[in-house]
Amino acid sequence: MKTVFLNVAKLDFDNKLNFSKIANLTTVTTHAASSDQEIIDRVSGQNIVITKELPVGGDIIAQFPSSVKLICEAGTGFNNIDLAAAREKGITVCNVPGYSTEAVAQLAVTFMLSLSASLSRQQAMLHQKDYTNFTKHLSVPHFEIQNKVLGIIGSGSIGQQVIKIARALGMNILVYNRTPKVWSDPQIKSVSLEELFRQSDFISLHCPLTPDTRRLVNKATLALMKASAFVINTSRGALINEPDLIEALQQGRIAGAALDVQDPEPPELTNPLFSMANVILTPHIGWKPLEARQRLINLLAGNIEAYLQGKPVNVVS
């Protein structure tokens, strides 16, 4: 079997990953990045194609040779691949859920703690040689997160890990899922989306990007929020209508935001989010710790091995 990884630099950007578990199963060819035409050329004669958040549209998949039997998305989200086109060609598509659960959850909680102590604002003041916080009374917000209300939109594996950590920190949890859940902990409640936006001190997004969730955070839902509340997004940038969020932040209708994902990525360098004192921006790092990326490679090898044994796992199409 032959395998091609079309954009390995997206995952192994520091050349620290060990691919031996995949190499023990198939002959692997890697490319740092691939254009649309290069994708078509490079899948020739290959049986397995690996991508990492690389758009692979139906027009491209339609030109795949009959030798390609499996597309592995090296990540959780798979909206970059045209699943209908893959089905049409008889190509199985699988993903790798759960590899970054701990890493993304830790980042979401780090955002909450940083916002509660205005850490980024205090560091910015120091860089500007503003020592007011040291010479006078503390001039930025600083509050405990114990007993604050955390709204979780989407309680999959990452959402549940955030809930676990937040409960250990003494937070009360509101959860919105398409299908409400029953929780054994009395401090965790399933609520409507409207109630979650109205009551939460922090709203953390952990749902997939679908037609129903696209622009879930928008002018209408932001208007429901407390002026003291924060939005946290470590999921997908398009869950938020960014112009609406920027307007709410500029007008002080909400207290702030912490965004590990944007729409588009990377943002335009003129994006006002870069210069807002009440915003924390990171370049989609939630999944990028070395441990999480190596776990991803190992799980990817498991996907390939299961497929070769005729028992495919994590199939999304």
C-alpha atoms as a PDB file:
ATOM      1  CA  MET A   1       0.000   0.000   0.000  1.00  0.00           C
ATOM      2  CA  LYS A   2       1.123   3.512  -0.789  1.00  0.00           C
ATOM      3  CA  THR A   3       0.291   6.584   1.279  1.00  0.00           C
ATOM      4  CA  VAL A   4       0.805  10.270   0.495  1.00  0.00           C
ATOM      5  CA  PHE A   5       0.623  13.049   3.082  1.00  0.00           C
ATOM      6  CA  LEU A   6      -0.202  16.133   1.041  1.00  0.00           C
ATOM      7  CA  ASN A   7       0.636  18.901   3.546  1.00  0.00           C
ATOM      8  CA  VAL A   8       2.744  17.446   6.333  1.00  0.00           C
ATOM      9  CA  ALA A   9       4.248  20.837   7.270  1.00  0.00           C
ATOM     10  CA  LYS A  10       0.855  21.860   8.667  1.00  0.00           C
ATOM     11  CA  LEU A  11       1.341  19.173  11.315  1.00  0.00           C
ATOM     12  CA  ASP A  12       5.098  18.600  11.573  1.00  0.00           C
ATOM     13  CA  PHE A  13       6.123  22.253  11.376  1.00  0.00           C
ATOM     14  CA  ASP A  14       8.991  21.733  13.822  1.00  0.00           C
ATOM     15  CA  ASN A  15      10.231  18.397  12.383  1.00  0.00           C
ATOM     16  CA  LYS A  16       9.828  16.703  15.763  1.00  0.00           C
ATOM     17  CA  LEU A  17       7.187  14.077  14.965  1.00  0.00           C
ATOM     18  CA  ASN A  18       7.834  10.355  14.642  1.00  0.00           C
ATOM     19  CA  PHE A  19       5.988   8.772  11.692  1.00  0.00           C
ATOM     20  CA  SER A  20       7.369   5.264  12.167  1.00  0.00           C
ATOM     21  CA  LYS A  21       3.996   3.753  13.130  1.00  0.00           C
ATOM     22  CA  ILE A  22       2.569   4.788   9.766  1.00  0.00           C
ATOM     23  CA  ALA A  23       5.732   3.883   7.871  1.00  0.00           C
ATOM     24  CA  ASN A  24       5.549   0.371   9.333  1.00  0.00           C
ATOM     25  CA  LEU A  25       2.160  -0.076   7.658  1.00  0.00           C
ATOM     26  CA  THR A  26       2.588   1.564   4.255  1.00  0.00           C
ATOM     27  CA  THR A  27       5.114   3.254   2.007  1.00  0.00           C
ATOM     28  CA  VAL A  28       4.777   6.941   2.838  1.00  0.00           C
ATOM     29  CA  THR A  29       5.525   9.958   0.653  1.00  0.00           C
ATOM     30  CA  THR A  30       5.274  13.383   2.252  1.00  0.00           C
ATOM     31  CA  HIS A  31       4.940  16.877   0.823  1.00  0.00           C
ATOM     32  CA  ALA A  32       5.214  20.066   2.845  1.00  0.00           C
ATOM     33  CA  ALA A  33       2.218  21.604   1.057  1.00  0.00           C
ATOM     34  CA  SER A  34       0.161  20.973  -2.074  1.00  0.00           C
ATOM     35  CA  SER A  35      -1.772  23.172  -4.483  1.00  0.00           C
ATOM     36  CA  ASP A  36      -4.929  21.902  -6.170  1.00  0.00           C
ATOM     37  CA  GLN A  37      -3.029  20.771  -9.252  1.00  0.00           C
ATOM     38  CA  GLU A  38      -0.288  19.221  -7.135  1.00  0.00           C
ATOM     39  CA  ILE A  39      -2.917  17.245  -5.214  1.00  0.00           C
ATOM     40  CA  ILE A  40      -4.157  15.695  -8.445  1.00  0.00           C
ATOM     41  CA  ASP A  41      -0.611  14.882  -9.552  1.00  0.00           C
ATOM     42  CA  ARG A  42       0.542  13.535  -6.198  1.00  0.00           C
ATOM     43  CA  VAL A  43      -2.335  11.136  -5.537  1.00  0.00           C
ATOM     44  CA  SER A  44      -1.511   9.261  -8.742  1.00  0.00           C
ATOM     45  CA  GLY A  45      -0.722   5.634  -7.881  1.00  0.00           C
ATOM     46  CA  GLN A  46      -1.523   6.175  -4.196  1.00  0.00           C
ATOM     47  CA  ASN A  47      -3.957   4.135  -2.087  1.00  0.00           C
ATOM     48  CA  ILE A  48      -4.247   6.340   1.014  1.00  0.00           C
ATOM     49  CA  VAL A  49      -4.294  10.145   1.103  1.00  0.00           C
ATOM     50  CA  ILE A  50      -3.630  12.094   4.325  1.00  0.00           C
ATOM     51  CA  THR A  51      -4.574  15.758   4.685  1.00  0.00           C
ATOM     52  CA  LYS A  52      -4.478  18.282   7.517  1.00  0.00           C
ATOM     53  CA  GLU A  53      -7.183  20.946   7.126  1.00  0.00           C
ATOM     54  CA  LEU A  54      -6.377  21.038   3.397  1.00  0.00           C
ATOM     55  CA  PRO A  55      -9.384  21.936   1.217  1.00  0.00           C
ATOM     56  CA  VAL A  56     -10.109  18.997  -1.082  1.00  0.00           C
ATOM     57  CA  GLY A  57     -13.150  19.894  -3.145  1.00  0.00           C
ATOM     58  CA  GLY A  58     -15.393  17.720  -5.238  1.00  0.00           C
ATOM     59  CA  ASP A  59     -13.789  18.845  -8.488  1.00  0.00           C
ATOM     60  CA  ILE A  60     -10.444  17.584  -7.207  1.00  0.00           C
ATOM     61  CA  ILE A  61     -11.737  14.305  -5.768  1.00  0.00           C
ATOM     62  CA  ALA A  62     -13.522  13.603  -9.061  1.00  0.00           C
ATOM     63  CA  GLN A  63     -10.067  13.432 -10.657  1.00  0.00           C
ATOM     64  CA  PHE A  64      -8.626  10.996  -8.104  1.00  0.00           C
ATOM     65  CA  PRO A  65      -7.482   7.700  -9.626  1.00  0.00           C
ATOM     66  CA  SER A  66      -9.314   4.473  -8.777  1.00  0.00           C
ATOM     67  CA  SER A  67      -6.309   3.403  -6.695  1.00  0.00           C
ATOM     68  CA  VAL A  68      -7.263   5.861  -3.913  1.00  0.00           C
ATOM     69  CA  LYS A  69      -9.435   4.032  -1.387  1.00  0.00           C
ATOM     70  CA  LEU A  70      -9.014   6.040   1.816  1.00  0.00           C
ATOM     71  CA  ILE A  71      -8.703   9.715   2.756  1.00  0.00           C
ATOM     72  CA  CYS A  72      -7.512  10.340   6.312  1.00  0.00           C
ATOM     73  CA  GLU A  73      -8.124  13.793   7.717  1.00  0.00           C
ATOM     74  CA  ALA A  74      -5.407  14.305  10.311  1.00  0.00           C
ATOM     75  CA  GLY A  75      -7.690  16.057  12.745  1.00  0.00           C
ATOM     76  CA  THR A  76     -11.187  16.209  14.156  1.00  0.00           C
ATOM     77  CA  GLY A  77     -12.933  18.549  11.714  1.00  0.00           C
ATOM     78  CA  PHE A  78     -13.511  17.288   8.181  1.00  0.00           C
ATOM     79  CA  ASN A  79     -15.509  20.108   6.567  1.00  0.00           C
ATOM     80  CA  ASN A  80     -12.504  20.681   4.268  1.00  0.00           C
ATOM     81  CA  ILE A  81     -13.265  17.467   2.364  1.00  0.00           C
ATOM     82  CA  ASP A  82     -16.190  17.029  -0.040  1.00  0.00           C
ATOM     83  CA  LEU A  83     -17.729  13.903   1.482  1.00  0.00           C
ATOM     84  CA  ALA A  84     -20.377  13.528  -1.219  1.00  0.00           C
ATOM     85  CA  ALA A  85     -17.687  13.485  -3.907  1.00  0.00           C
ATOM     86  CA  ALA A  86     -15.713  10.914  -1.939  1.00  0.00           C
ATOM     87  CA  ARG A  87     -18.780   8.660  -1.662  1.00  0.00           C
ATOM     88  CA  GLU A  88     -19.352   9.024  -5.383  1.00  0.00           C
ATOM     89  CA  LYS A  89     -15.816   7.716  -5.980  1.00  0.00           C
ATOM     90  CA  GLY A  90     -16.178   4.937  -3.415  1.00  0.00           C
ATOM     91  CA  ILE A  91     -13.505   6.484  -1.195  1.00  0.00           C
ATOM     92  CA  THR A  92     -13.756   6.021   2.569  1.00  0.00           C
ATOM     93  CA  VAL A  93     -13.049   9.146   4.648  1.00  0.00           C
ATOM     94  CA  CYS A  94     -11.984   8.973   8.291  1.00  0.00           C
ATOM     95  CA  ASN A  95     -10.909  11.523  10.862  1.00  0.00           C
ATOM     96  CA  VAL A  96      -9.057  11.484  14.186  1.00  0.00           C
ATOM     97  CA  PRO A  97     -11.320  12.608  17.018  1.00  0.00           C
ATOM     98  CA  GLY A  98     -10.093  13.110  20.546  1.00  0.00           C
ATOM     99  CA  TYR A  99      -6.373  13.565  19.966  1.00  0.00           C
ATOM    100  CA  SER A 100      -6.305  17.141  21.307  1.00  0.00           C
ATOM    101  CA  THR A 101      -9.050  16.984  23.915  1.00  0.00           C
ATOM    102  CA  GLU A 102      -6.818  17.807  26.885  1.00  0.00           C
ATOM    103  CA  ALA A 103      -4.783  20.425  25.021  1.00  0.00           C
ATOM    104  CA  VAL A 104      -7.768  22.397  23.730  1.00  0.00           C
ATOM    105  CA  ALA A 105      -9.593  22.173  27.054  1.00  0.00           C
ATOM    106  CA  GLN A 106      -6.524  23.473  28.883  1.00  0.00           C
ATOM    107  CA  LEU A 107      -6.299  26.408  26.486  1.00  0.00           C
ATOM    108  CA  ALA A 108      -9.974  27.299  26.985  1.00  0.00           C
ATOM    109  CA  VAL A 109      -9.509  27.289  30.762  1.00  0.00           C
ATOM    110  CA  THR A 110      -6.261  29.256  30.431  1.00  0.00           C
ATOM    111  CA  PHE A 111      -8.217  31.885  28.523  1.00  0.00           C
ATOM    112  CA  MET A 112     -10.771  32.126  31.324  1.00  0.00           C
ATOM    113  CA  LEU A 113      -8.108  32.493  34.004  1.00  0.00           C
ATOM    114  CA  SER A 114      -6.187  35.054  31.937  1.00  0.00           C
ATOM    115  CA  LEU A 115      -9.300  37.130  31.296  1.00  0.00           C
ATOM    116  CA  SER A 116     -10.308  37.039  34.953  1.00  0.00           C
ATOM    117  CA  ALA A 117      -6.934  38.487  35.969  1.00  0.00           C
ATOM    118  CA  SER A 118      -6.510  40.788  32.927  1.00  0.00           C
ATOM    119  CA  LEU A 119      -3.113  39.180  32.364  1.00  0.00           C
ATOM    120  CA  SER A 120      -2.711  40.216  28.732  1.00  0.00           C
ATOM    121  CA  ARG A 121      -3.760  43.789  29.516  1.00  0.00           C
ATOM    122  CA  GLN A 122      -1.298  43.993  32.385  1.00  0.00           C
ATOM    123  CA  GLN A 123       1.535  42.712  30.210  1.00  0.00           C
ATOM    124  CA  ALA A 124       0.633  45.203  27.487  1.00  0.00           C
ATOM    125  CA  MET A 125       0.812  48.003  30.061  1.00  0.00           C
ATOM    126  CA  LEU A 126       4.324  46.919  31.039  1.00  0.00           C
ATOM    127  CA  HIS A 127       5.451  46.860  27.396  1.00  0.00           C
ATOM    128  CA  GLN A 128       4.149  50.417  27.128  1.00  0.00           C
ATOM    129  CA  LYS A 129       6.105  51.333  30.293  1.00  0.00           C
ATOM    130  CA  ASP A 130       2.853  51.978  32.121  1.00  0.00           C
ATOM    131  CA  TYR A 131       3.527  50.929  35.727  1.00  0.00           C
ATOM    132  CA  THR A 132       0.231  52.204  37.128  1.00  0.00           C
ATOM    133  CA  ASN A 133      -0.731  48.793  38.502  1.00  0.00           C
ATOM    134  CA  PHE A 134       2.444  48.816  40.599  1.00  0.00           C
ATOM    135  CA  THR A 135       2.435  52.427  41.757  1.00  0.00           C
ATOM    136  CA  LYS A 136      -1.301  52.968  42.289  1.00  0.00           C
ATOM    137  CA  HIS A 137      -4.322  50.805  42.870  1.00  0.00           C
ATOM    138  CA  LEU A 138      -4.949  47.993  40.377  1.00  0.00           C
ATOM    139  CA  SER A 139      -6.584  49.699  37.401  1.00  0.00           C
ATOM    140  CA  VAL A 140      -7.754  46.649  35.426  1.00  0.00           C
ATOM    141  CA  PRO A 141     -10.493  44.103  36.203  1.00  0.00           C
ATOM    142  CA  HIS A 142      -9.518  41.227  38.488  1.00  0.00           C
ATOM    143  CA  PHE A 143     -12.036  38.696  39.756  1.00  0.00           C
ATOM    144  CA  GLU A 144     -12.380  35.095  40.896  1.00  0.00           C
ATOM    145  CA  ILE A 145     -13.941  32.535  38.575  1.00  0.00           C
ATOM    146  CA  GLN A 146     -15.249  30.476  41.490  1.00  0.00           C
ATOM    147  CA  ASN A 147     -19.073  30.575  41.444  1.00  0.00           C
ATOM    148  CA  LYS A 148     -19.092  32.237  38.031  1.00  0.00           C
ATOM    149  CA  VAL A 149     -21.321  30.710  35.339  1.00  0.00           C
ATOM    150  CA  LEU A 150     -19.652  28.980  32.411  1.00  0.00           C
ATOM    151  CA  GLY A 151     -21.816  28.366  29.358  1.00  0.00           C
ATOM    152  CA  ILE A 152     -20.653  25.432  27.243  1.00  0.00           C
ATOM    153  CA  ILE A 153     -22.021  25.168  23.708  1.00  0.00           C
ATOM    154  CA  GLY A 154     -21.376  21.579  22.640  1.00  0.00           C
ATOM    155  CA  SER A 155     -20.497  18.993  25.289  1.00  0.00           C
ATOM    156  CA  GLY A 156     -18.503  16.513  23.263  1.00  0.00           C
ATOM    157  CA  SER A 157     -15.164  15.236  24.524  1.00  0.00           C
ATOM    158  CA  ILE A 158     -13.522  18.687  24.678  1.00  0.00           C
ATOM    159  CA  GLY A 159     -16.572  20.370  26.168  1.00  0.00           C
ATOM    160  CA  GLN A 160     -16.791  17.690  28.843  1.00  0.00           C
ATOM    161  CA  GLN A 161     -13.107  18.093  29.683  1.00  0.00           C
ATOM    162  CA  VAL A 162     -13.601  21.851  30.084  1.00  0.00           C
ATOM    163  CA  ILE A 163     -16.587  21.155  32.341  1.00  0.00           C
ATOM    164  CA  LYS A 164     -14.466  18.791  34.451  1.00  0.00           C
ATOM    165  CA  ILE A 165     -11.753  21.401  35.006  1.00  0.00           C
ATOM    166  CA  ALA A 166     -14.238  24.225  35.524  1.00  0.00           C
ATOM    167  CA  ARG A 167     -16.125  22.274  38.165  1.00  0.00           C
ATOM    168  CA  ALA A 168     -12.834  21.635  39.982  1.00  0.00           C
ATOM    169  CA  LEU A 169     -12.402  25.420  40.000  1.00  0.00           C
ATOM    170  CA  GLY A 170     -15.834  25.867  41.544  1.00  0.00           C
ATOM    171  CA  MET A 171     -17.696  27.149  38.494  1.00  0.00           C
ATOM    172  CA  ASN A 172     -21.375  26.557  37.766  1.00  0.00           C
ATOM    173  CA  ILE A 173     -22.086  25.132  34.323  1.00  0.00           C
ATOM    174  CA  LEU A 174     -24.826  25.694  31.767  1.00  0.00           C
ATOM    175  CA  VAL A 175     -24.780  23.443  28.711  1.00  0.00           C
ATOM    176  CA  TYR A 176     -26.462  23.751  25.353  1.00  0.00           C
ATOM    177  CA  ASN A 177     -26.606  20.730  23.057  1.00  0.00           C
ATOM    178  CA  ARG A 178     -28.902  20.036  20.153  1.00  0.00           C
ATOM    179  CA  THR A 179     -30.126  17.093  22.252  1.00  0.00           C
ATOM    180  CA  PRO A 180     -30.258  18.063  25.966  1.00  0.00           C
ATOM    181  CA  LYS A 181     -28.423  15.809  28.433  1.00  0.00           C
ATOM    182  CA  VAL A 182     -29.212  14.886  32.007  1.00  0.00           C
ATOM    183  CA  TRP A 183     -26.321  15.605  34.385  1.00  0.00           C
ATOM    184  CA  SER A 184     -25.735  13.930  37.739  1.00  0.00           C
ATOM    185  CA  ASP A 185     -23.953  17.008  39.109  1.00  0.00           C
ATOM    186  CA  PRO A 186     -26.574  19.549  40.299  1.00  0.00           C
ATOM    187  CA  GLN A 187     -24.222  22.399  39.334  1.00  0.00           C
ATOM    188  CA  ILE A 188     -24.425  21.381  35.657  1.00  0.00           C
ATOM    189  CA  LYS A 189     -27.679  22.113  33.826  1.00  0.00           C
ATOM    190  CA  SER A 190     -28.843  21.736  30.234  1.00  0.00           C
ATOM    191  CA  VAL A 191     -30.544  24.932  29.082  1.00  0.00           C
ATOM    192  CA  SER A 192     -31.789  26.627  25.947  1.00  0.00           C
ATOM    193  CA  LEU A 193     -29.327  28.600  23.855  1.00  0.00           C
ATOM    194  CA  GLU A 194     -31.048  31.853  24.797  1.00  0.00           C
ATOM    195  CA  GLU A 195     -30.800  31.120  28.516  1.00  0.00           C
ATOM    196  CA  LEU A 196     -27.140  30.210  28.175  1.00  0.00           C
ATOM    197  CA  PHE A 197     -26.323  33.508  26.478  1.00  0.00           C
ATOM    198  CA  ARG A 198     -28.308  35.480  29.059  1.00  0.00           C
ATOM    199  CA  GLN A 199     -26.880  33.897  32.220  1.00  0.00           C
ATOM    200  CA  SER A 200     -23.262  33.003  31.430  1.00  0.00           C
ATOM    201  CA  ASP A 201     -20.218  34.918  32.611  1.00  0.00           C
ATOM    202  CA  PHE A 202     -18.086  33.012  30.104  1.00  0.00           C
ATOM    203  CA  ILE A 203     -19.350  31.323  26.933  1.00  0.00           C
ATOM    204  CA  SER A 204     -17.026  28.674  25.502  1.00  0.00           C
ATOM    205  CA  LEU A 205     -17.685  27.189  22.053  1.00  0.00           C
ATOM    206  CA  HIS A 206     -17.027  23.475  21.523  1.00  0.00           C
ATOM    207  CA  CYS A 207     -19.404  22.498  18.732  1.00  0.00           C
ATOM    208  CA  PRO A 208     -18.605  21.450  15.156  1.00  0.00           C
ATOM    209  CA  LEU A 209     -19.075  23.862  12.265  1.00  0.00           C
ATOM    210  CA  THR A 210     -22.305  22.953  10.484  1.00  0.00           C
ATOM    211  CA  PRO A 211     -24.938  24.963   8.588  1.00  0.00           C
ATOM    212  CA  ASP A 212     -26.850  25.198  11.884  1.00  0.00           C
ATOM    213  CA  THR A 213     -23.907  26.444  13.953  1.00  0.00           C
ATOM    214  CA  ARG A 214     -22.301  28.793  11.412  1.00  0.00           C
ATOM    215  CA  ARG A 215     -22.416  32.380  12.796  1.00  0.00           C
ATOM    216  CA  LEU A 216     -24.014  31.061  15.997  1.00  0.00           C
ATOM    217  CA  VAL A 217     -22.520  34.030  17.830  1.00  0.00           C
ATOM    218  CA  ASN A 218     -24.006  37.038  16.087  1.00  0.00           C
ATOM    219  CA  LYS A 219     -25.617  40.411  16.719  1.00  0.00           C
ATOM    220  CA  ALA A 220     -28.770  38.820  18.142  1.00  0.00           C
ATOM    221  CA  THR A 221     -27.077  36.367  20.498  1.00  0.00           C
ATOM    222  CA  LEU A 222     -24.440  38.874  21.580  1.00  0.00           C
ATOM    223  CA  ALA A 223     -27.245  41.262  22.522  1.00  0.00           C
ATOM    224  CA  LEU A 224     -28.459  38.687  25.062  1.00  0.00           C
ATOM    225  CA  MET A 225     -25.145  38.601  26.936  1.00  0.00           C
ATOM    226  CA  LYS A 226     -24.214  40.375  30.135  1.00  0.00           C
ATOM    227  CA  ALA A 227     -21.994  43.425  29.670  1.00  0.00           C
ATOM    228  CA  SER A 228     -19.508  41.690  32.001  1.00  0.00           C
ATOM    229  CA  ALA A 229     -19.387  38.418  30.003  1.00  0.00           C
ATOM    230  CA  PHE A 230     -16.702  36.970  27.719  1.00  0.00           C
ATOM    231  CA  VAL A 231     -16.744  34.811  24.567  1.00  0.00           C
ATOM    232  CA  ILE A 232     -14.151  32.043  24.176  1.00  0.00           C
ATOM    233  CA  ASN A 233     -13.692  30.167  20.906  1.00  0.00           C
ATOM    234  CA  THR A 234     -11.268  27.256  20.530  1.00  0.00           C
ATOM    235  CA  SER A 235     -13.419  25.412  17.988  1.00  0.00           C
ATOM    236  CA  ARG A 236     -13.981  26.961  14.530  1.00  0.00           C
ATOM    237  CA  GLY A 237     -13.741  30.619  13.584  1.00  0.00           C
ATOM    238  CA  ALA A 238     -16.910  30.645  11.504  1.00  0.00           C
ATOM    239  CA  LEU A 239     -19.017  29.867  14.572  1.00  0.00           C
ATOM    240  CA  ILE A 240     -18.771  33.616  15.190  1.00  0.00           C
ATOM    241  CA  ASN A 241     -19.948  36.451  12.981  1.00  0.00           C
ATOM    242  CA  GLU A 242     -16.711  38.357  13.413  1.00  0.00           C
ATOM    243  CA  PRO A 243     -17.926  41.844  12.392  1.00  0.00           C
ATOM    244  CA  ASP A 244     -20.781  41.520  14.912  1.00  0.00           C
ATOM    245  CA  LEU A 245     -18.333  40.481  17.637  1.00  0.00           C
ATOM    246  CA  ILE A 246     -15.974  43.342  16.830  1.00  0.00           C
ATOM    247  CA  GLU A 247     -18.835  45.815  17.031  1.00  0.00           C
ATOM    248  CA  ALA A 248     -19.986  44.428  20.399  1.00  0.00           C
ATOM    249  CA  LEU A 249     -16.429  44.630  21.759  1.00  0.00           C
ATOM    250  CA  GLN A 250     -15.842  48.153  20.466  1.00  0.00           C
ATOM    251  CA  GLN A 251     -19.105  49.370  21.967  1.00  0.00           C
ATOM    252  CA  GLY A 252     -18.508  47.663  25.308  1.00  0.00           C
ATOM    253  CA  ARG A 253     -21.626  45.511  25.019  1.00  0.00           C
ATOM    254  CA  ILE A 254     -19.574  42.544  26.264  1.00  0.00           C
ATOM    255  CA  ALA A 255     -16.410  42.543  28.371  1.00  0.00           C
ATOM    256  CA  GLY A 256     -14.043  40.714  26.055  1.00  0.00           C
ATOM    257  CA  ALA A 257     -13.137  37.661  24.017  1.00  0.00           C
ATOM    258  CA  ALA A 258     -10.417  35.044  23.688  1.00  0.00           C
ATOM    259  CA  LEU A 259     -10.123  33.517  20.235  1.00  0.00           C
ATOM    260  CA  ASP A 260      -7.825  30.703  19.180  1.00  0.00           C
ATOM    261  CA  VAL A 261      -9.645  30.453  15.848  1.00  0.00           C
ATOM    262  CA  GLN A 262     -10.661  33.139  13.406  1.00  0.00           C
ATOM    263  CA  ASP A 263     -12.502  33.457  10.103  1.00  0.00           C
ATOM    264  CA  PRO A 264     -10.530  33.552   7.905  1.00  0.00           C
ATOM    265  CA  GLU A 265      -7.250  32.133   9.191  1.00  0.00           C
ATOM    266  CA  PRO A 266      -4.939  33.872   9.447  1.00  0.00           C
ATOM    267  CA  PRO A 267      -6.821  37.137   9.946  1.00  0.00           C
ATOM    268  CA  GLU A 268      -5.965  40.163   7.855  1.00  0.00           C
ATOM    269  CA  LEU A 269      -3.226  42.083   9.650  1.00  0.00           C
ATOM    270  CA  THR A 270      -5.503  45.141   9.650  1.00  0.00           C
ATOM    271  CA  ASN A 271      -8.126  43.241  11.680  1.00  0.00           C
ATOM    272  CA  PRO A 272      -9.088  45.426  14.684  1.00  0.00           C
ATOM    273  CA  LEU A 273      -9.077  42.354  16.955  1.00  0.00           C
ATOM    274  CA  PHE A 274      -5.270  42.538  16.982  1.00  0.00           C
ATOM    275  CA  SER A 275      -5.275  45.892  18.745  1.00  0.00           C
ATOM    276  CA  MET A 276      -8.132  45.447  21.215  1.00  0.00           C
ATOM    277  CA  ALA A 277      -7.112  45.500  24.870  1.00  0.00           C
ATOM    278  CA  ASN A 278     -10.027  43.249  25.843  1.00  0.00           C
ATOM    279  CA  VAL A 279      -9.201  40.508  23.333  1.00  0.00           C
ATOM    280  CA  ILE A 280      -6.756  37.605  23.498  1.00  0.00           C
ATOM    281  CA  LEU A 281      -5.804  36.190  20.095  1.00  0.00           C
ATOM    282  CA  THR A 282      -3.764  33.047  19.459  1.00  0.00           C
ATOM    283  CA  PRO A 283      -3.013  31.493  16.035  1.00  0.00           C
ATOM    284  CA  HIS A 284      -5.054  28.252  16.309  1.00  0.00           C
ATOM    285  CA  ILE A 285      -2.618  26.672  18.770  1.00  0.00           C
ATOM    286  CA  GLY A 286      -5.084  24.557  20.730  1.00  0.00           C
ATOM    287  CA  TRP A 287      -4.158  21.347  18.904  1.00  0.00           C
ATOM    288  CA  LYS A 288      -0.467  22.133  18.477  1.00  0.00           C
ATOM    289  CA  PRO A 289       1.344  20.909  21.615  1.00  0.00           C
ATOM    290  CA  LEU A 290       3.950  18.310  20.635  1.00  0.00           C
ATOM    291  CA  GLU A 291       2.255  15.664  22.756  1.00  0.00           C
ATOM    292  CA  ALA A 292      -1.089  16.179  21.023  1.00  0.00           C
ATOM    293  CA  ARG A 293       0.438  16.140  17.546  1.00  0.00           C
ATOM    294  CA  GLN A 294       2.338  12.905  18.220  1.00  0.00           C
ATOM    295  CA  ARG A 295      -0.832  11.377  19.626  1.00  0.00           C
ATOM    296  CA  LEU A 296      -2.535  12.379  16.382  1.00  0.00           C
ATOM    297  CA  ILE A 297       0.084  10.556  14.291  1.00  0.00           C
ATOM    298  CA  ASN A 298      -0.248   7.423  16.411  1.00  0.00           C
ATOM    299  CA  LEU A 299      -4.049   7.478  16.155  1.00  0.00           C
ATOM    300  CA  LEU A 300      -3.775   8.093  12.426  1.00  0.00           C
ATOM    301  CA  ALA A 301      -1.685   4.937  12.165  1.00  0.00           C
ATOM    302  CA  GLY A 302      -4.443   3.122  14.043  1.00  0.00           C
ATOM    303  CA  ASN A 303      -6.997   4.345  11.486  1.00  0.00           C
ATOM    304  CA  ILE A 304      -4.863   3.069   8.632  1.00  0.00           C
ATOM    305  CA  GLU A 305      -4.195  -0.270  10.297  1.00  0.00           C
ATOM    306  CA  ALA A 306      -7.909  -0.797  10.994  1.00  0.00           C
ATOM    307  CA  TYR A 307      -8.753  -0.008   7.373  1.00  0.00           C
ATOM    308  CA  LEU A 308      -6.123  -2.423   6.073  1.00  0.00           C
ATOM    309  CA  GLN A 309      -7.638  -5.111   8.302  1.00  0.00           C
ATOM    310  CA  GLY A 310     -11.055  -4.473   6.756  1.00  0.00           C
ATOM    311  CA  LYS A 311     -12.442  -2.923   9.959  1.00  0.00           C
ATOM    312  CA  PRO A 312     -12.292   0.846   9.348  1.00  0.00           C
ATOM    313  CA  VAL A 313     -12.776   3.146  12.345  1.00  0.00           C
ATOM    314  CA  ASN A 314     -13.646   6.829  12.753  1.00  0.00           C
ATOM    315  CA  VAL A 315     -15.419   6.757   9.384  1.00  0.00           C
ATOM    316  CA  VAL A 316     -17.201   9.993   8.508  1.00  0.00           C
ATOM    317  CA  SER A 317     -18.147   8.983   4.966  1.00  0.00           C
END
